[in-house]
Amino acid sequence: MTKDIPKITDAEWEVMEALWESSPRTANEVIESLQHIMDWKPKTIRSLLNRLVQKQAVGINKEGKVYTFYPLYQEDECRRAETHSFVKRIYGGAMKPMIVQFLQEQSLSPEEIKELRKILDEKS
């Protein structure tokens, strides 16, 4: 990773997903898209947007009286950073124990197993 991606909380992640879905968006558009799935007040969503701007995860365009927000990082960049953070924090940076635990605890379809085998074969 060439640039440090800010740590994003679970609530902030919801706001980011709304912006990844469509952007730039006004605060009201973000509020409207999230109120259908989250039981948050508009003030909460505005606070989350402001925190993301302060963290430099979200940019803001100020054109006249209209402010629009847009993500400064792509979704896959943030997912990768979150994955690395999780593996480092929970598994000491080792992928194998995480993968083994996941495989032992999850039911996988034959198609998923085939896909995983293909990925592992390509890695070797």
C-alpha atoms as a PDB file:
ATOM      1  CA  MET A   1       0.000   0.000   0.000  1.00  0.00           C
ATOM      2  CA  THR A   2       1.401   3.319  -1.023  1.00  0.00           C
ATOM      3  CA  LYS A   3      -0.774   5.507   1.169  1.00  0.00           C
ATOM      4  CA  ASP A   4      -2.152   5.009   4.660  1.00  0.00           C
ATOM      5  CA  ILE A   5      -5.878   4.460   4.599  1.00  0.00           C
ATOM      6  CA  PRO A   6      -7.591   5.903   7.668  1.00  0.00           C
ATOM      7  CA  LYS A   7      -9.236   3.568  10.162  1.00  0.00           C
ATOM      8  CA  ILE A   8     -12.960   3.482   9.459  1.00  0.00           C
ATOM      9  CA  THR A   9     -15.505   2.473  12.101  1.00  0.00           C
ATOM     10  CA  ASP A  10     -18.446   0.180  11.327  1.00  0.00           C
ATOM     11  CA  ALA A  11     -20.837   3.145  11.245  1.00  0.00           C
ATOM     12  CA  GLU A  12     -18.506   5.124   8.976  1.00  0.00           C
ATOM     13  CA  TRP A  13     -18.262   2.070   6.715  1.00  0.00           C
ATOM     14  CA  GLU A  14     -22.037   2.328   6.094  1.00  0.00           C
ATOM     15  CA  VAL A  15     -21.598   5.930   4.950  1.00  0.00           C
ATOM     16  CA  MET A  16     -18.669   4.939   2.732  1.00  0.00           C
ATOM     17  CA  GLU A  17     -20.782   2.222   1.120  1.00  0.00           C
ATOM     18  CA  ALA A  18     -23.447   4.797   0.297  1.00  0.00           C
ATOM     19  CA  LEU A  19     -20.773   6.959  -1.352  1.00  0.00           C
ATOM     20  CA  TRP A  20     -19.206   4.015  -3.213  1.00  0.00           C
ATOM     21  CA  GLU A  21     -22.642   3.153  -4.523  1.00  0.00           C
ATOM     22  CA  SER A  22     -23.066   6.618  -5.996  1.00  0.00           C
ATOM     23  CA  SER A  23     -21.052   9.791  -5.716  1.00  0.00           C
ATOM     24  CA  PRO A  24     -20.679  12.640  -5.460  1.00  0.00           C
ATOM     25  CA  ARG A  25     -23.709  12.954  -3.204  1.00  0.00           C
ATOM     26  CA  THR A  26     -25.087  15.716  -1.046  1.00  0.00           C
ATOM     27  CA  ALA A  27     -25.496  15.080   2.672  1.00  0.00           C
ATOM     28  CA  ASN A  28     -29.262  14.863   2.129  1.00  0.00           C
ATOM     29  CA  GLU A  29     -28.780  12.200  -0.557  1.00  0.00           C
ATOM     30  CA  VAL A  30     -26.565  10.164   1.778  1.00  0.00           C
ATOM     31  CA  ILE A  31     -29.120  10.578   4.573  1.00  0.00           C
ATOM     32  CA  GLU A  32     -31.938   9.469   2.275  1.00  0.00           C
ATOM     33  CA  SER A  33     -30.051   6.378   1.107  1.00  0.00           C
ATOM     34  CA  LEU A  34     -29.090   5.322   4.646  1.00  0.00           C
ATOM     35  CA  GLN A  35     -32.373   6.009   6.422  1.00  0.00           C
ATOM     36  CA  HIS A  36     -33.915   3.107   4.523  1.00  0.00           C
ATOM     37  CA  ILE A  37     -31.455   0.639   6.053  1.00  0.00           C
ATOM     38  CA  MET A  38     -30.188   2.283   9.255  1.00  0.00           C
ATOM     39  CA  ASP A  39     -32.198   3.704  12.138  1.00  0.00           C
ATOM     40  CA  TRP A  40     -30.091   6.855  12.340  1.00  0.00           C
ATOM     41  CA  LYS A  41     -31.114  10.467  12.684  1.00  0.00           C
ATOM     42  CA  PRO A  42     -29.939  12.889   9.956  1.00  0.00           C
ATOM     43  CA  LYS A  43     -27.639  14.609  12.491  1.00  0.00           C
ATOM     44  CA  THR A  44     -25.841  11.291  13.117  1.00  0.00           C
ATOM     45  CA  ILE A  45     -25.223  10.777   9.405  1.00  0.00           C
ATOM     46  CA  ARG A  46     -23.964  14.352   9.014  1.00  0.00           C
ATOM     47  CA  SER A  47     -21.588  13.778  11.959  1.00  0.00           C
ATOM     48  CA  LEU A  48     -20.289  10.597  10.329  1.00  0.00           C
ATOM     49  CA  LEU A  49     -19.742  12.451   7.054  1.00  0.00           C
ATOM     50  CA  ASN A  50     -17.840  15.183   8.891  1.00  0.00           C
ATOM     51  CA  ARG A  51     -15.670  12.613  10.702  1.00  0.00           C
ATOM     52  CA  LEU A  52     -14.852  10.941   7.377  1.00  0.00           C
ATOM     53  CA  VAL A  53     -13.894  14.322   5.905  1.00  0.00           C
ATOM     54  CA  GLN A  54     -11.655  15.026   8.944  1.00  0.00           C
ATOM     55  CA  LYS A  55     -10.048  11.581   8.551  1.00  0.00           C
ATOM     56  CA  GLN A  56      -9.474  12.385   4.879  1.00  0.00           C
ATOM     57  CA  ALA A  57     -11.426   9.312   3.759  1.00  0.00           C
ATOM     58  CA  VAL A  58     -14.058  11.502   2.091  1.00  0.00           C
ATOM     59  CA  GLY A  59     -13.611  14.623   0.029  1.00  0.00           C
ATOM     60  CA  ILE A  60     -16.006  17.540  -0.188  1.00  0.00           C
ATOM     61  CA  ASN A  61     -16.871  19.824  -3.095  1.00  0.00           C
ATOM     62  CA  LYS A  62     -18.146  23.264  -2.122  1.00  0.00           C
ATOM     63  CA  GLU A  63     -19.984  24.771  -5.045  1.00  0.00           C
ATOM     64  CA  GLY A  64     -22.089  27.684  -3.901  1.00  0.00           C
ATOM     65  CA  LYS A  65     -24.469  26.509  -1.199  1.00  0.00           C
ATOM     66  CA  VAL A  66     -24.334  22.892  -2.344  1.00  0.00           C
ATOM     67  CA  TYR A  67     -21.791  20.603  -0.694  1.00  0.00           C
ATOM     68  CA  THR A  68     -21.191  17.186  -2.227  1.00  0.00           C
ATOM     69  CA  PHE A  69     -19.195  14.321  -0.765  1.00  0.00           C
ATOM     70  CA  TYR A  70     -17.146  11.651  -2.528  1.00  0.00           C
ATOM     71  CA  PRO A  71     -14.854   8.841  -1.359  1.00  0.00           C
ATOM     72  CA  LEU A  72     -11.111   9.459  -1.531  1.00  0.00           C
ATOM     73  CA  TYR A  73     -10.410   5.711  -1.533  1.00  0.00           C
ATOM     74  CA  GLN A  74     -11.865   2.927  -3.600  1.00  0.00           C
ATOM     75  CA  GLU A  75     -13.832   0.209  -1.858  1.00  0.00           C
ATOM     76  CA  ASP A  76     -11.281  -2.497  -2.661  1.00  0.00           C
ATOM     77  CA  GLU A  77      -8.477  -0.365  -1.147  1.00  0.00           C
ATOM     78  CA  CYS A  78     -10.424  -0.037   2.112  1.00  0.00           C
ATOM     79  CA  ARG A  79     -11.347  -3.732   2.168  1.00  0.00           C
ATOM     80  CA  ARG A  80      -7.690  -4.664   1.696  1.00  0.00           C
ATOM     81  CA  ALA A  81      -6.615  -2.320   4.521  1.00  0.00           C
ATOM     82  CA  GLU A  82      -9.325  -3.687   6.837  1.00  0.00           C
ATOM     83  CA  THR A  83      -8.311  -7.262   6.027  1.00  0.00           C
ATOM     84  CA  HIS A  84      -4.646  -6.548   6.761  1.00  0.00           C
ATOM     85  CA  SER A  85      -5.567  -4.814  10.013  1.00  0.00           C
ATOM     86  CA  PHE A  86      -7.815  -7.710  11.076  1.00  0.00           C
ATOM     87  CA  VAL A  87      -5.243 -10.407  10.260  1.00  0.00           C
ATOM     88  CA  LYS A  88      -2.502  -8.478  12.048  1.00  0.00           C
ATOM     89  CA  ARG A  89      -4.637  -7.792  15.132  1.00  0.00           C
ATOM     90  CA  ILE A  90      -6.328 -11.195  15.513  1.00  0.00           C
ATOM     91  CA  TYR A  91      -3.846 -13.619  13.939  1.00  0.00           C
ATOM     92  CA  GLY A  92      -0.537 -11.823  14.478  1.00  0.00           C
ATOM     93  CA  GLY A  93      -0.240 -11.214  10.750  1.00  0.00           C
ATOM     94  CA  ALA A  94      -0.346 -14.919   9.823  1.00  0.00           C
ATOM     95  CA  MET A  95      -2.871 -15.811   7.124  1.00  0.00           C
ATOM     96  CA  LYS A  96      -2.698 -19.598   7.458  1.00  0.00           C
ATOM     97  CA  PRO A  97      -4.381 -19.849  10.911  1.00  0.00           C
ATOM     98  CA  MET A  98      -7.177 -17.564   9.753  1.00  0.00           C
ATOM     99  CA  ILE A  99      -7.771 -19.549   6.576  1.00  0.00           C
ATOM    100  CA  VAL A 100      -7.674 -22.872   8.446  1.00  0.00           C
ATOM    101  CA  GLN A 101     -10.153 -21.629  11.049  1.00  0.00           C
ATOM    102  CA  PHE A 102     -12.441 -20.250   8.356  1.00  0.00           C
ATOM    103  CA  LEU A 103     -12.383 -23.489   6.374  1.00  0.00           C
ATOM    104  CA  GLN A 104     -13.067 -25.591   9.474  1.00  0.00           C
ATOM    105  CA  GLU A 105     -16.017 -23.493  10.576  1.00  0.00           C
ATOM    106  CA  GLN A 106     -17.732 -22.613   7.299  1.00  0.00           C
ATOM    107  CA  SER A 107     -19.826 -24.745   4.989  1.00  0.00           C
ATOM    108  CA  LEU A 108     -18.626 -24.366   1.427  1.00  0.00           C
ATOM    109  CA  SER A 109     -20.391 -25.423  -1.728  1.00  0.00           C
ATOM    110  CA  PRO A 110     -18.543 -27.634  -4.236  1.00  0.00           C
ATOM    111  CA  GLU A 111     -18.292 -24.568  -6.513  1.00  0.00           C
ATOM    112  CA  GLU A 112     -16.691 -22.493  -3.763  1.00  0.00           C
ATOM    113  CA  ILE A 113     -14.209 -25.289  -2.996  1.00  0.00           C
ATOM    114  CA  LYS A 114     -13.339 -25.549  -6.685  1.00  0.00           C
ATOM    115  CA  GLU A 115     -12.789 -21.785  -6.873  1.00  0.00           C
ATOM    116  CA  LEU A 116     -10.576 -21.816  -3.762  1.00  0.00           C
ATOM    117  CA  ARG A 117      -8.509 -24.686  -5.197  1.00  0.00           C
ATOM    118  CA  LYS A 118      -8.044 -22.717  -8.410  1.00  0.00           C
ATOM    119  CA  ILE A 119      -6.877 -19.641  -6.475  1.00  0.00           C
ATOM    120  CA  LEU A 120      -4.429 -21.731  -4.440  1.00  0.00           C
ATOM    121  CA  ASP A 121      -3.104 -23.452  -7.575  1.00  0.00           C
ATOM    122  CA  GLU A 122      -2.505 -20.047  -9.194  1.00  0.00           C
ATOM    123  CA  LYS A 123      -0.590 -18.924  -6.078  1.00  0.00           C
ATOM    124  CA  SER A 124       1.862 -21.832  -6.242  1.00  0.00           C
END
